[in-house]
Amino acid sequence: MRRAVIDMWGVVHHYRFEVSGTNDGDAVYRTETFDVADIDTTRIRRPPWYAAAVNATSRRGNSTARSS
């Protein structure tokens, strides 16, 4: 059995997968689940080397480098 809760933007908030069977005559069961919470509260920071990389790229005349 598979179940998922997905919002209108396609973000999966909950997922559950259940399977059962046998292995060498023994019954086996497996369940996997995950939940996603606190969306939009995670902060991602640029790595310490980011500014130096942008500056080095900009000096080479690369017009696609941005520091924002």
PDB file of N, CA and C in Angstrom:
ATOM      1  N   MET A   1       0.845  -1.173   0.000  1.00  0.00           N
ATOM      2  CA  MET A   1       0.000   0.000   0.000  1.00  0.00           C
ATOM      3  C   MET A   1       0.889   1.234   0.000  1.00  0.00           C
ATOM      4  N   ARG A   2       0.542   2.189  -0.828  1.00  0.00           N
ATOM      5  CA  ARG A   2       1.228   3.480  -0.850  1.00  0.00           C
ATOM      6  C   ARG A   2       0.213   4.576  -0.615  1.00  0.00           C
ATOM      7  N   ARG A   3       0.596   5.554   0.188  1.00  0.00           N
ATOM      8  CA  ARG A   3      -0.259   6.706   0.433  1.00  0.00           C
ATOM      9  C   ARG A   3       0.599   7.943   0.485  1.00  0.00           C
ATOM     10  N   ALA A   4       0.093   9.034  -0.047  1.00  0.00           N
ATOM     11  CA  ALA A   4       0.812  10.301   0.006  1.00  0.00           C
ATOM     12  C   ALA A   4      -0.189  11.430   0.171  1.00  0.00           C
ATOM     13  N   VAL A   5       0.225  12.458   0.897  1.00  0.00           N
ATOM     14  CA  VAL A   5      -0.556  13.680   1.007  1.00  0.00           C
ATOM     15  C   VAL A   5       0.242  14.758   0.289  1.00  0.00           C
ATOM     16  N   ILE A   6      -0.333  15.282  -0.799  1.00  0.00           N
ATOM     17  CA  ILE A   6       0.351  16.252  -1.651  1.00  0.00           C
ATOM     18  C   ILE A   6      -0.535  17.488  -1.768  1.00  0.00           C
ATOM     19  N   ASP A   7       0.073  18.680  -1.567  1.00  0.00           N
ATOM     20  CA  ASP A   7      -0.736  19.892  -1.646  1.00  0.00           C
ATOM     21  C   ASP A   7      -0.867  20.373  -3.088  1.00  0.00           C
ATOM     22  N   MET A   8      -1.567  21.486  -3.290  1.00  0.00           N
ATOM     23  CA  MET A   8      -1.856  21.980  -4.637  1.00  0.00           C
ATOM     24  C   MET A   8      -0.607  22.437  -5.395  1.00  0.00           C
ATOM     25  N   TRP A   9       0.521  22.635  -4.698  1.00  0.00           N
ATOM     26  CA  TRP A   9       1.772  23.031  -5.338  1.00  0.00           C
ATOM     27  C   TRP A   9       2.655  21.818  -5.641  1.00  0.00           C
ATOM     28  N   GLY A  10       2.181  20.624  -5.305  1.00  0.00           N
ATOM     29  CA  GLY A  10       2.936  19.412  -5.571  1.00  0.00           C
ATOM     30  C   GLY A  10       3.913  19.040  -4.481  1.00  0.00           C
ATOM     31  N   VAL A  11       3.814  19.689  -3.314  1.00  0.00           N
ATOM     32  CA  VAL A  11       4.704  19.375  -2.195  1.00  0.00           C
ATOM     33  C   VAL A  11       4.148  18.181  -1.433  1.00  0.00           C
ATOM     34  N   VAL A  12       4.974  17.162  -1.256  1.00  0.00           N
ATOM     35  CA  VAL A  12       4.567  15.978  -0.497  1.00  0.00           C
ATOM     36  C   VAL A  12       4.725  16.293   0.988  1.00  0.00           C
ATOM     37  N   HIS A  13       3.645  16.173   1.755  1.00  0.00           N
ATOM     38  CA  HIS A  13       3.679  16.439   3.188  1.00  0.00           C
ATOM     39  C   HIS A  13       3.762  15.156   4.008  1.00  0.00           C
ATOM     40  N   HIS A  14       3.265  14.080   3.461  1.00  0.00           N
ATOM     41  CA  HIS A  14       3.295  12.792   4.164  1.00  0.00           C
ATOM     42  C   HIS A  14       3.354  11.689   3.115  1.00  0.00           C
ATOM     43  N   TYR A  15       4.137  10.665   3.425  1.00  0.00           N
ATOM     44  CA  TYR A  15       4.247   9.521   2.525  1.00  0.00           C
ATOM     45  C   TYR A  15       4.358   8.262   3.362  1.00  0.00           C
ATOM     46  N   ARG A  16       3.659   7.215   2.942  1.00  0.00           N
ATOM     47  CA  ARG A  16       3.709   5.924   3.647  1.00  0.00           C
ATOM     48  C   ARG A  16       3.711   4.806   2.613  1.00  0.00           C
ATOM     49  N   PHE A  17       4.602   3.848   2.811  1.00  0.00           N
ATOM     50  CA  PHE A  17       4.711   2.690   1.920  1.00  0.00           C
ATOM     51  C   PHE A  17       4.755   1.447   2.788  1.00  0.00           C
ATOM     52  N   GLU A  18       3.859   0.506   2.536  1.00  0.00           N
ATOM     53  CA  GLU A  18       3.810  -0.744   3.292  1.00  0.00           C
ATOM     54  C   GLU A  18       3.888  -1.910   2.320  1.00  0.00           C
ATOM     55  N   VAL A  19       4.665  -2.915   2.693  1.00  0.00           N
ATOM     56  CA  VAL A  19       4.774  -4.115   1.870  1.00  0.00           C
ATOM     57  C   VAL A  19       4.950  -5.314   2.793  1.00  0.00           C
ATOM     58  N   SER A  20       4.439  -6.460   2.375  1.00  0.00           N
ATOM     59  CA  SER A  20       4.631  -7.685   3.147  1.00  0.00           C
ATOM     60  C   SER A  20       4.915  -8.817   2.176  1.00  0.00           C
ATOM     61  N   GLY A  21       5.568  -9.838   2.674  1.00  0.00           N
ATOM     62  CA  GLY A  21       5.893 -10.987   1.841  1.00  0.00           C
ATOM     63  C   GLY A  21       6.593 -12.045   2.666  1.00  0.00           C
ATOM     64  N   THR A  22       7.337 -12.908   1.991  1.00  0.00           N
ATOM     65  CA  THR A  22       8.078 -13.950   2.692  1.00  0.00           C
ATOM     66  C   THR A  22       9.530 -13.952   2.222  1.00  0.00           C
ATOM     67  N   ASN A  23      10.386 -14.383   3.125  1.00  0.00           N
ATOM     68  CA  ASN A  23      11.805 -14.528   2.830  1.00  0.00           C
ATOM     69  C   ASN A  23      12.253 -15.853   3.426  1.00  0.00           C
ATOM     70  N   ASP A  24      12.568 -16.818   2.589  1.00  0.00           N
ATOM     71  CA  ASP A  24      12.927 -18.164   3.053  1.00  0.00           C
ATOM     72  C   ASP A  24      11.855 -18.754   3.964  1.00  0.00           C
ATOM     73  N   GLY A  25      10.599 -18.495   3.611  1.00  0.00           N
ATOM     74  CA  GLY A  25       9.487 -19.051   4.376  1.00  0.00           C
ATOM     75  C   GLY A  25       9.059 -18.229   5.577  1.00  0.00           C
ATOM     76  N   ASP A  26       9.820 -17.199   5.923  1.00  0.00           N
ATOM     77  CA  ASP A  26       9.458 -16.322   7.050  1.00  0.00           C
ATOM     78  C   ASP A  26       8.697 -15.100   6.540  1.00  0.00           C
ATOM     79  N   ALA A  27       7.668 -14.727   7.291  1.00  0.00           N
ATOM     80  CA  ALA A  27       6.900 -13.532   6.940  1.00  0.00           C
ATOM     81  C   ALA A  27       7.742 -12.288   7.223  1.00  0.00           C
ATOM     82  N   VAL A  28       7.731 -11.361   6.288  1.00  0.00           N
ATOM     83  CA  VAL A  28       8.448 -10.098   6.471  1.00  0.00           C
ATOM     84  C   VAL A  28       7.499  -8.944   6.165  1.00  0.00           C
ATOM     85  N   TYR A  29       7.671  -7.859   6.902  1.00  0.00           N
ATOM     86  CA  TYR A  29       6.871  -6.653   6.733  1.00  0.00           C
ATOM     87  C   TYR A  29       7.809  -5.457   6.695  1.00  0.00           C
ATOM     88  N   ARG A  30       7.475  -4.518   5.869  1.00  0.00           N
ATOM     89  CA  ARG A  30       8.304  -3.311   5.779  1.00  0.00           C
ATOM     90  C   ARG A  30       7.374  -2.106   5.654  1.00  0.00           C
ATOM     91  N   THR A  31       7.633  -1.090   6.468  1.00  0.00           N
ATOM     92  CA  THR A  31       6.884   0.156   6.398  1.00  0.00           C
ATOM     93  C   THR A  31       7.875   1.309   6.355  1.00  0.00           C
ATOM     94  N   GLU A  32       7.683   2.207   5.408  1.00  0.00           N
ATOM     95  CA  GLU A  32       8.490   3.419   5.319  1.00  0.00           C
ATOM     96  C   GLU A  32       7.552   4.615   5.344  1.00  0.00           C
ATOM     97  N   THR A  33       7.894   5.614   6.141  1.00  0.00           N
ATOM     98  CA  THR A  33       7.084   6.828   6.194  1.00  0.00           C
ATOM     99  C   THR A  33       7.998   8.042   6.306  1.00  0.00           C
ATOM    100  N   PHE A  34       7.491   9.166   5.849  1.00  0.00           N
ATOM    101  CA  PHE A  34       8.143  10.431   6.158  1.00  0.00           C
ATOM    102  C   PHE A  34       7.100  11.535   6.157  1.00  0.00           C
ATOM    103  N   ASP A  35       7.381  12.565   6.934  1.00  0.00           N
ATOM    104  CA  ASP A  35       6.522  13.734   7.042  1.00  0.00           C
ATOM    105  C   ASP A  35       7.368  14.976   6.799  1.00  0.00           C
ATOM    106  N   VAL A  36       6.784  15.941   6.123  1.00  0.00           N
ATOM    107  CA  VAL A  36       7.445  17.216   5.877  1.00  0.00           C
ATOM    108  C   VAL A  36       6.679  18.276   6.645  1.00  0.00           C
ATOM    109  N   ALA A  37       7.409  19.069   7.419  1.00  0.00           N
ATOM    110  CA  ALA A  37       6.783  20.121   8.215  1.00  0.00           C
ATOM    111  C   ALA A  37       7.648  21.371   8.171  1.00  0.00           C
ATOM    112  N   ASP A  38       7.111  22.453   8.617  1.00  0.00           N
ATOM    113  CA  ASP A  38       7.817  23.735   8.710  1.00  0.00           C
ATOM    114  C   ASP A  38       8.359  24.201   7.362  1.00  0.00           C
ATOM    115  N   ILE A  39       7.572  24.024   6.319  1.00  0.00           N
ATOM    116  CA  ILE A  39       7.974  24.488   5.000  1.00  0.00           C
ATOM    117  C   ILE A  39       8.092  26.010   5.033  1.00  0.00           C
ATOM    118  N   ASP A  40       9.089  26.537   4.379  1.00  0.00           N
ATOM    119  CA  ASP A  40       9.408  27.969   4.306  1.00  0.00           C
ATOM    120  C   ASP A  40      10.033  28.507   5.587  1.00  0.00           C
ATOM    121  N   THR A  41      10.412  27.645   6.512  1.00  0.00           N
ATOM    122  CA  THR A  41      11.087  28.137   7.717  1.00  0.00           C
ATOM    123  C   THR A  41      12.570  27.766   7.721  1.00  0.00           C
ATOM    124  N   THR A  42      13.005  26.990   6.750  1.00  0.00           N
ATOM    125  CA  THR A  42      14.406  26.593   6.677  1.00  0.00           C
ATOM    126  C   THR A  42      15.210  27.722   6.050  1.00  0.00           C
ATOM    127  N   ARG A  43      16.333  28.059   6.685  1.00  0.00           N
ATOM    128  CA  ARG A  43      17.214  29.096   6.149  1.00  0.00           C
ATOM    129  C   ARG A  43      18.443  28.437   5.545  1.00  0.00           C
ATOM    130  N   ILE A  44      18.733  28.809   4.342  1.00  0.00           N
ATOM    131  CA  ILE A  44      19.920  28.299   3.669  1.00  0.00           C
ATOM    132  C   ILE A  44      20.895  29.453   3.520  1.00  0.00           C
ATOM    133  N   ARG A  45      22.088  29.276   4.037  1.00  0.00           N
ATOM    134  CA  ARG A  45      23.110  30.319   3.973  1.00  0.00           C
ATOM    135  C   ARG A  45      24.139  29.972   2.917  1.00  0.00           C
ATOM    136  N   ARG A  46      24.678  31.007   2.305  1.00  0.00           N
ATOM    137  CA  ARG A  46      25.734  30.786   1.326  1.00  0.00           C
ATOM    138  C   ARG A  46      26.984  30.296   2.032  1.00  0.00           C
ATOM    139  N   PRO A  47      27.752  29.456   1.373  1.00  0.00           N
ATOM    140  CA  PRO A  47      28.993  28.956   1.979  1.00  0.00           C
ATOM    141  C   PRO A  47      30.028  30.087   2.081  1.00  0.00           C
ATOM    142  N   PRO A  48      31.013  29.939   2.961  1.00  0.00           N
ATOM    143  CA  PRO A  48      32.013  30.990   3.166  1.00  0.00           C
ATOM    144  C   PRO A  48      32.770  31.376   1.894  1.00  0.00           C
ATOM    145  N   TRP A  49      32.905  30.483   0.954  1.00  0.00           N
ATOM    146  CA  TRP A  49      33.676  30.748  -0.253  1.00  0.00           C
ATOM    147  C   TRP A  49      32.873  31.441  -1.345  1.00  0.00           C
ATOM    148  N   TYR A  50      31.591  31.687  -1.148  1.00  0.00           N
ATOM    149  CA  TYR A  50      30.720  32.215  -2.199  1.00  0.00           C
ATOM    150  C   TYR A  50      31.189  33.575  -2.735  1.00  0.00           C
ATOM    151  N   ALA A  51      31.456  34.537  -1.867  1.00  0.00           N
ATOM    152  CA  ALA A  51      31.843  35.880  -2.304  1.00  0.00           C
ATOM    153  C   ALA A  51      33.134  35.840  -3.116  1.00  0.00           C
ATOM    154  N   ALA A  52      34.101  35.060  -2.669  1.00  0.00           N
ATOM    155  CA  ALA A  52      35.365  34.965  -3.398  1.00  0.00           C
ATOM    156  C   ALA A  52      35.137  34.359  -4.777  1.00  0.00           C
ATOM    157  N   ALA A  53      34.267  33.383  -4.888  1.00  0.00           N
ATOM    158  CA  ALA A  53      33.992  32.757  -6.183  1.00  0.00           C
ATOM    159  C   ALA A  53      33.304  33.735  -7.120  1.00  0.00           C
ATOM    160  N   VAL A  54      32.359  34.514  -6.619  1.00  0.00           N
ATOM    161  CA  VAL A  54      31.676  35.501  -7.450  1.00  0.00           C
ATOM    162  C   VAL A  54      32.672  36.555  -7.914  1.00  0.00           C
ATOM    163  N   ASN A  55      33.510  37.029  -6.997  1.00  0.00           N
ATOM    164  CA  ASN A  55      34.501  38.035  -7.364  1.00  0.00           C
ATOM    165  C   ASN A  55      35.480  37.500  -8.396  1.00  0.00           C
ATOM    166  N   ALA A  56      35.943  36.292  -8.231  1.00  0.00           N
ATOM    167  CA  ALA A  56      36.889  35.703  -9.173  1.00  0.00           C
ATOM    168  C   ALA A  56      36.246  35.529 -10.543  1.00  0.00           C
ATOM    169  N   THR A  57      34.999  35.120 -10.565  1.00  0.00           N
ATOM    170  CA  THR A  57      34.288  34.930 -11.833  1.00  0.00           C
ATOM    171  C   THR A  57      34.029  36.271 -12.498  1.00  0.00           C
ATOM    172  N   SER A  58      33.663  37.281 -11.723  1.00  0.00           N
ATOM    173  CA  SER A  58      33.382  38.610 -12.267  1.00  0.00           C
ATOM    174  C   SER A  58      34.622  39.223 -12.892  1.00  0.00           C
ATOM    175  N   ARG A  59      35.779  39.007 -12.294  1.00  0.00           N
ATOM    176  CA  ARG A  59      37.029  39.563 -12.831  1.00  0.00           C
ATOM    177  C   ARG A  59      37.382  38.967 -14.183  1.00  0.00           C
ATOM    178  N   ARG A  60      36.901  37.779 -14.472  1.00  0.00           N
ATOM    179  CA  ARG A  60      37.175  37.132 -15.757  1.00  0.00           C
ATOM    180  C   ARG A  60      36.239  37.616 -16.855  1.00  0.00           C
ATOM    181  N   GLY A  61      35.355  38.525 -16.524  1.00  0.00           N
ATOM    182  CA  GLY A  61      34.454  39.073 -17.540  1.00  0.00           C
ATOM    183  C   GLY A  61      33.229  38.226 -17.800  1.00  0.00           C
ATOM    184  N   ASN A  62      32.881  37.363 -16.869  1.00  0.00           N
ATOM    185  CA  ASN A  62      31.702  36.514 -17.021  1.00  0.00           C
ATOM    186  C   ASN A  62      30.474  37.367 -16.692  1.00  0.00           C
ATOM    187  N   SER A  63      29.636  37.629 -17.681  1.00  0.00           N
ATOM    188  CA  SER A  63      28.482  38.511 -17.479  1.00  0.00           C
ATOM    189  C   SER A  63      27.354  37.830 -16.719  1.00  0.00           C
ATOM    190  N   THR A  64      27.451  36.528 -16.456  1.00  0.00           N
ATOM    191  CA  THR A  64      26.367  35.835 -15.753  1.00  0.00           C
ATOM    192  C   THR A  64      26.583  35.797 -14.254  1.00  0.00           C
ATOM    193  N   ALA A  65      27.745  36.240 -13.763  1.00  0.00           N
ATOM    194  CA  ALA A  65      28.015  36.214 -12.322  1.00  0.00           C
ATOM    195  C   ALA A  65      27.188  37.274 -11.629  1.00  0.00           C
ATOM    196  N   ARG A  66      26.573  36.875 -10.511  1.00  0.00           N
ATOM    197  CA  ARG A  66      25.766  37.804  -9.728  1.00  0.00           C
ATOM    198  C   ARG A  66      26.132  37.650  -8.269  1.00  0.00           C
ATOM    199  N   SER A  67      26.058  38.715  -7.521  1.00  0.00           N
ATOM    200  CA  SER A  67      26.382  38.642  -6.098  1.00  0.00           C
ATOM    201  C   SER A  67      25.154  38.733  -5.236  1.00  0.00           C
ATOM    202  N   SER A  68      23.955  38.729  -5.822  1.00  0.00           N
ATOM    203  CA  SER A  68      22.731  38.830  -5.018  1.00  0.00           C
ATOM    204  C   SER A  68      22.276  37.479  -4.534  1.00  0.00           C
TER     205      SER A  68
END
